[in-house]
Amino acid sequence: IRNVPDRPLALRELARVVRPGGRLAILELCEPRDGALGQLGRLYVHGLVPRIGAWLSGAREYRYLQESIARFPPPQEFARIMSACGWRDVEARPLTFGACCLFAGTA
């Protein structure tokens, strides 16, 4: 969902097509924010991930990943967007020192 141009539109469409009571889970890379572990997570996201990706793919353009992660809303803000788009019981669970987040909601 990080690279979807109109996230609210996509979330509303997902809410429309998921059966009532159905669950949506989105695992997304995020920008680690707080504390020492957040700093470690940012080092991972901005330093290690682009280098490994470029090495594995052979493409220097892999740096777009860290830029798109930095532009993605913080987890609580994205959870509010999900709620505003019709999802209930929305949760945002940070994983890997905040470098990724599991978002879940009920239609």
PDB file of N, CA and C in Angstrom:
ATOM      1  N   ILE A   1       0.825  -1.201   0.000  1.00  0.00           N
ATOM      2  CA  ILE A   1       0.000   0.000   0.000  1.00  0.00           C
ATOM      3  C   ILE A   1       0.866   1.261   0.000  1.00  0.00           C
ATOM      4  N   ARG A   2       2.138   1.091   0.378  1.00  0.00           N
ATOM      5  CA  ARG A   2       3.047   2.247   0.446  1.00  0.00           C
ATOM      6  C   ARG A   2       3.193   2.917  -0.911  1.00  0.00           C
ATOM      7  N   ASN A   3       3.150   2.150  -1.992  1.00  0.00           N
ATOM      8  CA  ASN A   3       3.351   2.713  -3.328  1.00  0.00           C
ATOM      9  C   ASN A   3       2.060   2.963  -4.096  1.00  0.00           C
ATOM     10  N   VAL A   4       0.927   2.816  -3.446  1.00  0.00           N
ATOM     11  CA  VAL A   4      -0.362   3.086  -4.092  1.00  0.00           C
ATOM     12  C   VAL A   4      -0.576   4.606  -4.101  1.00  0.00           C
ATOM     13  N   PRO A   5      -0.837   5.205  -5.264  1.00  0.00           N
ATOM     14  CA  PRO A   5      -0.968   6.659  -5.347  1.00  0.00           C
ATOM     15  C   PRO A   5      -2.106   7.236  -4.497  1.00  0.00           C
ATOM     16  N   ASP A   6      -3.249   6.584  -4.462  1.00  0.00           N
ATOM     17  CA  ASP A   6      -4.401   7.086  -3.694  1.00  0.00           C
ATOM     18  C   ASP A   6      -4.772   6.030  -2.647  1.00  0.00           C
ATOM     19  N   ARG A   7      -4.068   6.074  -1.514  1.00  0.00           N
ATOM     20  CA  ARG A   7      -4.293   5.067  -0.467  1.00  0.00           C
ATOM     21  C   ARG A   7      -5.720   5.060   0.056  1.00  0.00           C
ATOM     22  N   PRO A   8      -6.325   6.228   0.360  1.00  0.00           N
ATOM     23  CA  PRO A   8      -7.713   6.197   0.849  1.00  0.00           C
ATOM     24  C   PRO A   8      -8.666   5.525  -0.138  1.00  0.00           C
ATOM     25  N   LEU A   9      -8.513   5.797  -1.411  1.00  0.00           N
ATOM     26  CA  LEU A   9      -9.361   5.161  -2.415  1.00  0.00           C
ATOM     27  C   LEU A   9      -9.180   3.641  -2.380  1.00  0.00           C
ATOM     28  N   ALA A  10      -7.935   3.190  -2.302  1.00  0.00           N
ATOM     29  CA  ALA A  10      -7.662   1.753  -2.260  1.00  0.00           C
ATOM     30  C   ALA A  10      -8.247   1.125  -0.995  1.00  0.00           C
ATOM     31  N   LEU A  11      -8.101   1.800   0.141  1.00  0.00           N
ATOM     32  CA  LEU A  11      -8.637   1.264   1.391  1.00  0.00           C
ATOM     33  C   LEU A  11     -10.163   1.201   1.373  1.00  0.00           C
ATOM     34  N   ARG A  12     -10.813   2.213   0.791  1.00  0.00           N
ATOM     35  CA  ARG A  12     -12.277   2.183   0.670  1.00  0.00           C
ATOM     36  C   ARG A  12     -12.724   1.047  -0.249  1.00  0.00           C
ATOM     37  N   GLU A  13     -11.995   0.841  -1.341  1.00  0.00           N
ATOM     38  CA  GLU A  13     -12.340  -0.244  -2.267  1.00  0.00           C
ATOM     39  C   GLU A  13     -12.144  -1.601  -1.598  1.00  0.00           C
ATOM     40  N   LEU A  14     -11.078  -1.744  -0.848  1.00  0.00           N
ATOM     41  CA  LEU A  14     -10.875  -2.989  -0.104  1.00  0.00           C
ATOM     42  C   LEU A  14     -12.015  -3.213   0.889  1.00  0.00           C
ATOM     43  N   ALA A  15     -12.434  -2.163   1.583  1.00  0.00           N
ATOM     44  CA  ALA A  15     -13.548  -2.277   2.532  1.00  0.00           C
ATOM     45  C   ALA A  15     -14.836  -2.668   1.804  1.00  0.00           C
ATOM     46  N   ARG A  16     -14.993  -2.189   0.576  1.00  0.00           N
ATOM     47  CA  ARG A  16     -16.197  -2.504  -0.199  1.00  0.00           C
ATOM     48  C   ARG A  16     -16.250  -3.977  -0.590  1.00  0.00           C
ATOM     49  N   VAL A  17     -15.107  -4.552  -0.943  1.00  0.00           N
ATOM     50  CA  VAL A  17     -15.116  -5.910  -1.482  1.00  0.00           C
ATOM     51  C   VAL A  17     -14.900  -7.006  -0.429  1.00  0.00           C
ATOM     52  N   VAL A  18     -14.446  -6.626   0.746  1.00  0.00           N
ATOM     53  CA  VAL A  18     -14.264  -7.629   1.807  1.00  0.00           C
ATOM     54  C   VAL A  18     -15.603  -7.882   2.469  1.00  0.00           C
ATOM     55  N   ARG A  19     -15.907  -9.126   2.683  1.00  0.00           N
ATOM     56  CA  ARG A  19     -17.177  -9.526   3.294  1.00  0.00           C
ATOM     57  C   ARG A  19     -17.302  -8.877   4.688  1.00  0.00           C
ATOM     58  N   PRO A  20     -18.502  -8.465   5.089  1.00  0.00           N
ATOM     59  CA  PRO A  20     -18.691  -7.893   6.425  1.00  0.00           C
ATOM     60  C   PRO A  20     -18.122  -8.824   7.497  1.00  0.00           C
ATOM     61  N   GLY A  21     -17.323  -8.262   8.366  1.00  0.00           N
ATOM     62  CA  GLY A  21     -16.658  -9.047   9.393  1.00  0.00           C
ATOM     63  C   GLY A  21     -15.329  -9.631   8.944  1.00  0.00           C
ATOM     64  N   GLY A  22     -15.027  -9.498   7.640  1.00  0.00           N
ATOM     65  CA  GLY A  22     -13.754  -9.986   7.111  1.00  0.00           C
ATOM     66  C   GLY A  22     -12.600  -9.131   7.604  1.00  0.00           C
ATOM     67  N   ARG A  23     -11.409  -9.697   7.564  1.00  0.00           N
ATOM     68  CA  ARG A  23     -10.230  -9.006   8.072  1.00  0.00           C
ATOM     69  C   ARG A  23      -9.282  -8.626   6.940  1.00  0.00           C
ATOM     70  N   LEU A  24      -8.646  -7.500   7.123  1.00  0.00           N
ATOM     71  CA  LEU A  24      -7.596  -7.035   6.218  1.00  0.00           C
ATOM     72  C   LEU A  24      -6.313  -6.963   7.029  1.00  0.00           C
ATOM     73  N   ALA A  25      -5.228  -7.473   6.469  1.00  0.00           N
ATOM     74  CA  ALA A  25      -3.908  -7.358   7.091  1.00  0.00           C
ATOM     75  C   ALA A  25      -2.947  -6.799   6.054  1.00  0.00           C
ATOM     76  N   ILE A  26      -2.218  -5.779   6.443  1.00  0.00           N
ATOM     77  CA  ILE A  26      -1.239  -5.148   5.570  1.00  0.00           C
ATOM     78  C   ILE A  26       0.087  -5.134   6.323  1.00  0.00           C
ATOM     79  N   LEU A  27       1.096  -5.750   5.752  1.00  0.00           N
ATOM     80  CA  LEU A  27       2.436  -5.715   6.316  1.00  0.00           C
ATOM     81  C   LEU A  27       3.228  -4.725   5.484  1.00  0.00           C
ATOM     82  N   GLU A  28       3.687  -3.662   6.124  1.00  0.00           N
ATOM     83  CA  GLU A  28       4.317  -2.583   5.370  1.00  0.00           C
ATOM     84  C   GLU A  28       5.607  -2.141   6.047  1.00  0.00           C
ATOM     85  N   LEU A  29       6.578  -1.755   5.238  1.00  0.00           N
ATOM     86  CA  LEU A  29       7.803  -1.163   5.767  1.00  0.00           C
ATOM     87  C   LEU A  29       7.490   0.234   6.268  1.00  0.00           C
ATOM     88  N   CYS A  30       8.090   0.611   7.391  1.00  0.00           N
ATOM     89  CA  CYS A  30       7.836   1.915   8.001  1.00  0.00           C
ATOM     90  C   CYS A  30       9.148   2.560   8.416  1.00  0.00           C
ATOM     91  N   GLU A  31       9.060   3.835   8.698  1.00  0.00           N
ATOM     92  CA  GLU A  31      10.194   4.595   9.188  1.00  0.00           C
ATOM     93  C   GLU A  31      10.235   4.461  10.711  1.00  0.00           C
ATOM     94  N   PRO A  32      11.252   3.787  11.272  1.00  0.00           N
ATOM     95  CA  PRO A  32      11.353   3.720  12.734  1.00  0.00           C
ATOM     96  C   PRO A  32      11.465   5.129  13.307  1.00  0.00           C
ATOM     97  N   ARG A  33      10.793   5.405  14.425  1.00  0.00           N
ATOM     98  CA  ARG A  33      10.697   6.772  14.913  1.00  0.00           C
ATOM     99  C   ARG A  33      11.422   7.060  16.226  1.00  0.00           C
ATOM    100  N   ASP A  34      11.170   6.281  17.270  1.00  0.00           N
ATOM    101  CA  ASP A  34      11.557   6.703  18.618  1.00  0.00           C
ATOM    102  C   ASP A  34      12.663   5.859  19.231  1.00  0.00           C
ATOM    103  N   GLY A  35      13.424   6.501  20.118  1.00  0.00           N
ATOM    104  CA  GLY A  35      14.368   5.820  20.977  1.00  0.00           C
ATOM    105  C   GLY A  35      15.579   5.241  20.275  1.00  0.00           C
ATOM    106  N   ALA A  36      16.398   4.584  21.088  1.00  0.00           N
ATOM    107  CA  ALA A  36      17.627   3.972  20.573  1.00  0.00           C
ATOM    108  C   ALA A  36      17.312   2.876  19.567  1.00  0.00           C
ATOM    109  N   LEU A  37      16.277   2.096  19.834  1.00  0.00           N
ATOM    110  CA  LEU A  37      15.915   1.046  18.885  1.00  0.00           C
ATOM    111  C   LEU A  37      15.391   1.657  17.587  1.00  0.00           C
ATOM    112  N   GLY A  38      14.751   2.818  17.686  1.00  0.00           N
ATOM    113  CA  GLY A  38      14.327   3.528  16.481  1.00  0.00           C
ATOM    114  C   GLY A  38      15.521   3.959  15.651  1.00  0.00           C
ATOM    115  N   GLN A  39      16.576   4.424  16.337  1.00  0.00           N
ATOM    116  CA  GLN A  39      17.800   4.811  15.629  1.00  0.00           C
ATOM    117  C   GLN A  39      18.419   3.608  14.930  1.00  0.00           C
ATOM    118  N   LEU A  40      18.435   2.478  15.626  1.00  0.00           N
ATOM    119  CA  LEU A  40      18.953   1.254  15.021  1.00  0.00           C
ATOM    120  C   LEU A  40      18.093   0.848  13.822  1.00  0.00           C
ATOM    121  N   GLY A  41      16.778   0.971  13.971  1.00  0.00           N
ATOM    122  CA  GLY A  41      15.868   0.663  12.873  1.00  0.00           C
ATOM    123  C   GLY A  41      16.075   1.576  11.677  1.00  0.00           C
ATOM    124  N   ARG A  42      16.292   2.879  11.934  1.00  0.00           N
ATOM    125  CA  ARG A  42      16.540   3.820  10.827  1.00  0.00           C
ATOM    126  C   ARG A  42      17.837   3.482  10.111  1.00  0.00           C
ATOM    127  N   LEU A  43      18.862   3.096  10.878  1.00  0.00           N
ATOM    128  CA  LEU A  43      20.124   2.681  10.267  1.00  0.00           C
ATOM    129  C   LEU A  43      19.881   1.470   9.366  1.00  0.00           C
ATOM    130  N   TYR A  44      19.072   0.552   9.844  1.00  0.00           N
ATOM    131  CA  TYR A  44      18.731  -0.642   9.066  1.00  0.00           C
ATOM    132  C   TYR A  44      17.994  -0.257   7.779  1.00  0.00           C
ATOM    133  N   VAL A  45      16.960   0.586   7.914  1.00  0.00           N
ATOM    134  CA  VAL A  45      16.132   0.956   6.765  1.00  0.00           C
ATOM    135  C   VAL A  45      16.894   1.820   5.764  1.00  0.00           C
ATOM    136  N   HIS A  46      17.680   2.781   6.268  1.00  0.00           N
ATOM    137  CA  HIS A  46      18.355   3.724   5.367  1.00  0.00           C
ATOM    138  C   HIS A  46      19.732   3.263   4.912  1.00  0.00           C
ATOM    139  N   GLY A  47      20.373   2.401   5.699  1.00  0.00           N
ATOM    140  CA  GLY A  47      21.717   1.985   5.346  1.00  0.00           C
ATOM    141  C   GLY A  47      21.800   0.582   4.801  1.00  0.00           C
ATOM    142  N   LEU A  48      21.281  -0.347   5.565  1.00  0.00           N
ATOM    143  CA  LEU A  48      21.458  -1.750   5.218  1.00  0.00           C
ATOM    144  C   LEU A  48      20.520  -2.228   4.113  1.00  0.00           C
ATOM    145  N   VAL A  49      19.231  -1.940   4.234  1.00  0.00           N
ATOM    146  CA  VAL A  49      18.260  -2.436   3.255  1.00  0.00           C
ATOM    147  C   VAL A  49      18.585  -1.967   1.827  1.00  0.00           C
ATOM    148  N   PRO A  50      18.853  -0.670   1.590  1.00  0.00           N
ATOM    149  CA  PRO A  50      19.166  -0.259   0.211  1.00  0.00           C
ATOM    150  C   PRO A  50      20.439  -0.911  -0.329  1.00  0.00           C
ATOM    151  N   ARG A  51      21.434  -1.076   0.527  1.00  0.00           N
ATOM    152  CA  ARG A  51      22.684  -1.694   0.058  1.00  0.00           C
ATOM    153  C   ARG A  51      22.476  -3.168  -0.293  1.00  0.00           C
ATOM    154  N   ILE A  52      21.772  -3.877   0.561  1.00  0.00           N
ATOM    155  CA  ILE A  52      21.500  -5.295   0.286  1.00  0.00           C
ATOM    156  C   ILE A  52      20.644  -5.421  -0.968  1.00  0.00           C
ATOM    157  N   GLY A  53      19.620  -4.572  -1.081  1.00  0.00           N
ATOM    158  CA  GLY A  53      18.755  -4.616  -2.263  1.00  0.00           C
ATOM    159  C   GLY A  53      19.518  -4.329  -3.539  1.00  0.00           C
ATOM    160  N   ALA A  54      20.389  -3.319  -3.498  1.00  0.00           N
ATOM    161  CA  ALA A  54      21.177  -2.982  -4.680  1.00  0.00           C
ATOM    162  C   ALA A  54      22.144  -4.104  -5.017  1.00  0.00           C
ATOM    163  N   TRP A  55      22.726  -4.699  -3.994  1.00  0.00           N
ATOM    164  CA  TRP A  55      23.661  -5.801  -4.209  1.00  0.00           C
ATOM    165  C   TRP A  55      22.951  -7.015  -4.814  1.00  0.00           C
ATOM    166  N   LEU A  56      21.780  -7.348  -4.275  1.00  0.00           N
ATOM    167  CA  LEU A  56      21.041  -8.514  -4.770  1.00  0.00           C
ATOM    168  C   LEU A  56      20.478  -8.289  -6.168  1.00  0.00           C
ATOM    169  N   SER A  57      20.012  -7.065  -6.427  1.00  0.00           N
ATOM    170  CA  SER A  57      19.367  -6.799  -7.715  1.00  0.00           C
ATOM    171  C   SER A  57      20.335  -6.245  -8.746  1.00  0.00           C
ATOM    172  N   GLY A  58      21.479  -5.754  -8.292  1.00  0.00           N
ATOM    173  CA  GLY A  58      22.430  -5.156  -9.216  1.00  0.00           C
ATOM    174  C   GLY A  58      22.018  -3.770  -9.674  1.00  0.00           C
ATOM    175  N   ALA A  59      20.993  -3.181  -9.036  1.00  0.00           N
ATOM    176  CA  ALA A  59      20.475  -1.871  -9.465  1.00  0.00           C
ATOM    177  C   ALA A  59      20.770  -0.809  -8.417  1.00  0.00           C
ATOM    178  N   ARG A  60      21.374   0.275  -8.832  1.00  0.00           N
ATOM    179  CA  ARG A  60      21.636   1.398  -7.926  1.00  0.00           C
ATOM    180  C   ARG A  60      20.358   2.173  -7.616  1.00  0.00           C
ATOM    181  N   GLU A  61      19.345   2.041  -8.458  1.00  0.00           N
ATOM    182  CA  GLU A  61      18.078   2.747  -8.260  1.00  0.00           C
ATOM    183  C   GLU A  61      17.309   2.225  -7.055  1.00  0.00           C
ATOM    184  N   TYR A  62      17.813   1.226  -6.385  1.00  0.00           N
ATOM    185  CA  TYR A  62      17.123   0.622  -5.253  1.00  0.00           C
ATOM    186  C   TYR A  62      16.919   1.601  -4.098  1.00  0.00           C
ATOM    187  N   ARG A  63      17.575   2.746  -4.117  1.00  0.00           N
ATOM    188  CA  ARG A  63      17.448   3.741  -3.050  1.00  0.00           C
ATOM    189  C   ARG A  63      16.036   4.330  -2.976  1.00  0.00           C
ATOM    190  N   TYR A  64      15.226   4.144  -4.035  1.00  0.00           N
ATOM    191  CA  TYR A  64      13.849   4.632  -3.979  1.00  0.00           C
ATOM    192  C   TYR A  64      13.125   4.043  -2.778  1.00  0.00           C
ATOM    193  N   LEU A  65      13.526   2.845  -2.369  1.00  0.00           N
ATOM    194  CA  LEU A  65      12.845   2.165  -1.269  1.00  0.00           C
ATOM    195  C   LEU A  65      12.879   3.007  -0.005  1.00  0.00           C
ATOM    196  N   GLN A  66      14.055   3.472   0.398  1.00  0.00           N
ATOM    197  CA  GLN A  66      14.128   4.263   1.619  1.00  0.00           C
ATOM    198  C   GLN A  66      13.359   5.565   1.496  1.00  0.00           C
ATOM    199  N   GLU A  67      13.297   6.144   0.308  1.00  0.00           N
ATOM    200  CA  GLU A  67      12.538   7.379   0.119  1.00  0.00           C
ATOM    201  C   GLU A  67      11.040   7.130   0.249  1.00  0.00           C
ATOM    202  N   SER A  68      10.552   6.033  -0.319  1.00  0.00           N
ATOM    203  CA  SER A  68       9.121   5.736  -0.221  1.00  0.00           C
ATOM    204  C   SER A  68       8.745   5.361   1.210  1.00  0.00           C
ATOM    205  N   ILE A  69       9.651   4.713   1.927  1.00  0.00           N
ATOM    206  CA  ILE A  69       9.395   4.396   3.336  1.00  0.00           C
ATOM    207  C   ILE A  69       9.299   5.682   4.151  1.00  0.00           C
ATOM    208  N   ALA A  70      10.194   6.624   3.909  1.00  0.00           N
ATOM    209  CA  ALA A  70      10.194   7.891   4.650  1.00  0.00           C
ATOM    210  C   ALA A  70       8.926   8.696   4.374  1.00  0.00           C
ATOM    211  N   ARG A  71       8.333   8.561   3.187  1.00  0.00           N
ATOM    212  CA  ARG A  71       7.110   9.308   2.843  1.00  0.00           C
ATOM    213  C   ARG A  71       5.845   8.649   3.390  1.00  0.00           C
ATOM    214  N   PHE A  72       5.926   7.378   3.789  1.00  0.00           N
ATOM    215  CA  PHE A  72       4.751   6.675   4.299  1.00  0.00           C
ATOM    216  C   PHE A  72       4.377   7.259   5.660  1.00  0.00           C
ATOM    217  N   PRO A  73       3.071   7.424   5.922  1.00  0.00           N
ATOM    218  CA  PRO A  73       2.669   8.024   7.201  1.00  0.00           C
ATOM    219  C   PRO A  73       3.103   7.165   8.393  1.00  0.00           C
ATOM    220  N   PRO A  74       3.319   7.796   9.536  1.00  0.00           N
ATOM    221  CA  PRO A  74       3.614   7.019  10.754  1.00  0.00           C
ATOM    222  C   PRO A  74       2.476   6.033  11.033  1.00  0.00           C
ATOM    223  N   PRO A  75       2.773   4.931  11.715  1.00  0.00           N
ATOM    224  CA  PRO A  75       1.762   3.888  11.924  1.00  0.00           C
ATOM    225  C   PRO A  75       0.430   4.376  12.485  1.00  0.00           C
ATOM    226  N   GLN A  76       0.439   5.222  13.506  1.00  0.00           N
ATOM    227  CA  GLN A  76      -0.832   5.657  14.088  1.00  0.00           C
ATOM    228  C   GLN A  76      -1.628   6.517  13.104  1.00  0.00           C
ATOM    229  N   GLU A  77      -0.934   7.303  12.302  1.00  0.00           N
ATOM    230  CA  GLU A  77      -1.627   8.116  11.291  1.00  0.00           C
ATOM    231  C   GLU A  77      -2.246   7.221  10.216  1.00  0.00           C
ATOM    232  N   PHE A  78      -1.501   6.203   9.759  1.00  0.00           N
ATOM    233  CA  PHE A  78      -2.059   5.303   8.755  1.00  0.00           C
ATOM    234  C   PHE A  78      -3.248   4.532   9.330  1.00  0.00           C
ATOM    235  N   ALA A  79      -3.173   4.155  10.607  1.00  0.00           N
ATOM    236  CA  ALA A  79      -4.301   3.470  11.259  1.00  0.00           C
ATOM    237  C   ALA A  79      -5.531   4.388  11.274  1.00  0.00           C
ATOM    238  N   ARG A  80      -5.342   5.688  11.511  1.00  0.00           N
ATOM    239  CA  ARG A  80      -6.469   6.641  11.467  1.00  0.00           C
ATOM    240  C   ARG A  80      -7.038   6.735  10.053  1.00  0.00           C
ATOM    241  N   ILE A  81      -6.175   6.697   9.052  1.00  0.00           N
ATOM    242  CA  ILE A  81      -6.639   6.727   7.658  1.00  0.00           C
ATOM    243  C   ILE A  81      -7.484   5.490   7.376  1.00  0.00           C
ATOM    244  N   MET A  82      -7.017   4.330   7.845  1.00  0.00           N
ATOM    245  CA  MET A  82      -7.798   3.103   7.651  1.00  0.00           C
ATOM    246  C   MET A  82      -9.177   3.237   8.292  1.00  0.00           C
ATOM    247  N   SER A  83      -9.221   3.750   9.511  1.00  0.00           N
ATOM    248  CA  SER A  83     -10.504   3.931  10.211  1.00  0.00           C
ATOM    249  C   SER A  83     -11.414   4.877   9.445  1.00  0.00           C
ATOM    250  N   ALA A  84     -10.854   5.956   8.937  1.00  0.00           N
ATOM    251  CA  ALA A  84     -11.644   6.938   8.183  1.00  0.00           C
ATOM    252  C   ALA A  84     -12.174   6.347   6.877  1.00  0.00           C
ATOM    253  N   CYS A  85     -11.552   5.283   6.399  1.00  0.00           N
ATOM    254  CA  CYS A  85     -11.966   4.649   5.143  1.00  0.00           C
ATOM    255  C   CYS A  85     -12.911   3.469   5.370  1.00  0.00           C
ATOM    256  N   GLY A  86     -13.417   3.319   6.595  1.00  0.00           N
ATOM    257  CA  GLY A  86     -14.435   2.318   6.838  1.00  0.00           C
ATOM    258  C   GLY A  86     -13.980   1.066   7.566  1.00  0.00           C
ATOM    259  N   TRP A  87     -12.738   0.989   7.960  1.00  0.00           N
ATOM    260  CA  TRP A  87     -12.242  -0.184   8.687  1.00  0.00           C
ATOM    261  C   TRP A  87     -12.475  -0.001  10.180  1.00  0.00           C
ATOM    262  N   ARG A  88     -12.878  -1.086  10.849  1.00  0.00           N
ATOM    263  CA  ARG A  88     -13.128  -1.050  12.294  1.00  0.00           C
ATOM    264  C   ARG A  88     -12.029  -1.815  13.022  1.00  0.00           C
ATOM    265  N   ASP A  89     -11.943  -1.569  14.322  1.00  0.00           N
ATOM    266  CA  ASP A  89     -10.990  -2.299  15.176  1.00  0.00           C
ATOM    267  C   ASP A  89      -9.588  -2.318  14.566  1.00  0.00           C
ATOM    268  N   VAL A  90      -9.146  -1.169  14.091  1.00  0.00           N
ATOM    269  CA  VAL A  90      -7.854  -1.081  13.405  1.00  0.00           C
ATOM    270  C   VAL A  90      -6.723  -1.143  14.432  1.00  0.00           C
ATOM    271  N   GLU A  91      -5.736  -1.951  14.136  1.00  0.00           N
ATOM    272  CA  GLU A  91      -4.538  -2.085  14.957  1.00  0.00           C
ATOM    273  C   GLU A  91      -3.312  -1.783  14.104  1.00  0.00           C
ATOM    274  N   ALA A  92      -2.312  -1.189  14.730  1.00  0.00           N
ATOM    275  CA  ALA A  92      -1.009  -1.001  14.090  1.00  0.00           C
ATOM    276  C   ALA A  92       0.020  -1.609  15.032  1.00  0.00           C
ATOM    277  N   ARG A  93       0.632  -2.709  14.611  1.00  0.00           N
ATOM    278  CA  ARG A  93       1.589  -3.408  15.470  1.00  0.00           C
ATOM    279  C   ARG A  93       2.987  -3.294  14.863  1.00  0.00           C
ATOM    280  N   PRO A  94       3.868  -2.476  15.480  1.00  0.00           N
ATOM    281  CA  PRO A  94       5.236  -2.355  14.965  1.00  0.00           C
ATOM    282  C   PRO A  94       6.009  -3.655  15.155  1.00  0.00           C
ATOM    283  N   LEU A  95       6.838  -3.978  14.183  1.00  0.00           N
ATOM    284  CA  LEU A  95       7.690  -5.163  14.221  1.00  0.00           C
ATOM    285  C   LEU A  95       9.111  -4.768  13.828  1.00  0.00           C
ATOM    286  N   THR A  96      10.075  -5.562  14.190  1.00  0.00           N
ATOM    287  CA  THR A  96      11.478  -5.342  13.816  1.00  0.00           C
ATOM    288  C   THR A  96      11.933  -3.918  14.144  1.00  0.00           C
ATOM    289  N   PHE A  97      11.793  -3.541  15.428  1.00  0.00           N
ATOM    290  CA  PHE A  97      12.213  -2.220  15.909  1.00  0.00           C
ATOM    291  C   PHE A  97      11.495  -1.091  15.185  1.00  0.00           C
ATOM    292  N   GLY A  98      10.309  -1.357  14.655  1.00  0.00           N
ATOM    293  CA  GLY A  98       9.541  -0.344  13.943  1.00  0.00           C
ATOM    294  C   GLY A  98       9.870  -0.233  12.472  1.00  0.00           C
ATOM    295  N   ALA A  99      10.749  -1.092  11.963  1.00  0.00           N
ATOM    296  CA  ALA A  99      11.109  -1.046  10.536  1.00  0.00           C
ATOM    297  C   ALA A  99       9.985  -1.572   9.662  1.00  0.00           C
ATOM    298  N   CYS A 100       9.073  -2.326  10.235  1.00  0.00           N
ATOM    299  CA  CYS A 100       7.865  -2.720   9.524  1.00  0.00           C
ATOM    300  C   CYS A 100       6.714  -2.714  10.521  1.00  0.00           C
ATOM    301  N   CYS A 101       5.507  -2.723   9.996  1.00  0.00           N
ATOM    302  CA  CYS A 101       4.334  -2.632  10.840  1.00  0.00           C
ATOM    303  C   CYS A 101       3.220  -3.484  10.226  1.00  0.00           C
ATOM    304  N   LEU A 102       2.524  -4.189  11.092  1.00  0.00           N
ATOM    305  CA  LEU A 102       1.369  -4.963  10.658  1.00  0.00           C
ATOM    306  C   LEU A 102       0.122  -4.158  10.986  1.00  0.00           C
ATOM    307  N   PHE A 103      -0.630  -3.805   9.961  1.00  0.00           N
ATOM    308  CA  PHE A 103      -1.891  -3.083  10.120  1.00  0.00           C
ATOM    309  C   PHE A 103      -3.008  -4.089   9.899  1.00  0.00           C
ATOM    310  N   ALA A 104      -3.985  -4.087  10.781  1.00  0.00           N
ATOM    311  CA  ALA A 104      -5.111  -5.016  10.645  1.00  0.00           C
ATOM    312  C   ALA A 104      -6.395  -4.267  10.960  1.00  0.00           C
ATOM    313  N   GLY A 105      -7.462  -4.643  10.266  1.00  0.00           N
ATOM    314  CA  GLY A 105      -8.768  -4.047  10.497  1.00  0.00           C
ATOM    315  C   GLY A 105      -9.861  -4.996  10.082  1.00  0.00           C
ATOM    316  N   THR A 106     -11.061  -4.696  10.531  1.00  0.00           N
ATOM    317  CA  THR A 106     -12.243  -5.522  10.244  1.00  0.00           C
ATOM    318  C   THR A 106     -13.197  -4.713   9.375  1.00  0.00           C
ATOM    319  N   ALA A 107     -13.732  -5.369   8.350  1.00  0.00           N
ATOM    320  CA  ALA A 107     -14.677  -4.705   7.448  1.00  0.00           C
ATOM    321  C   ALA A 107     -16.030  -4.523   8.136  1.00  0.00           C
TER     322      ALA A 107
END
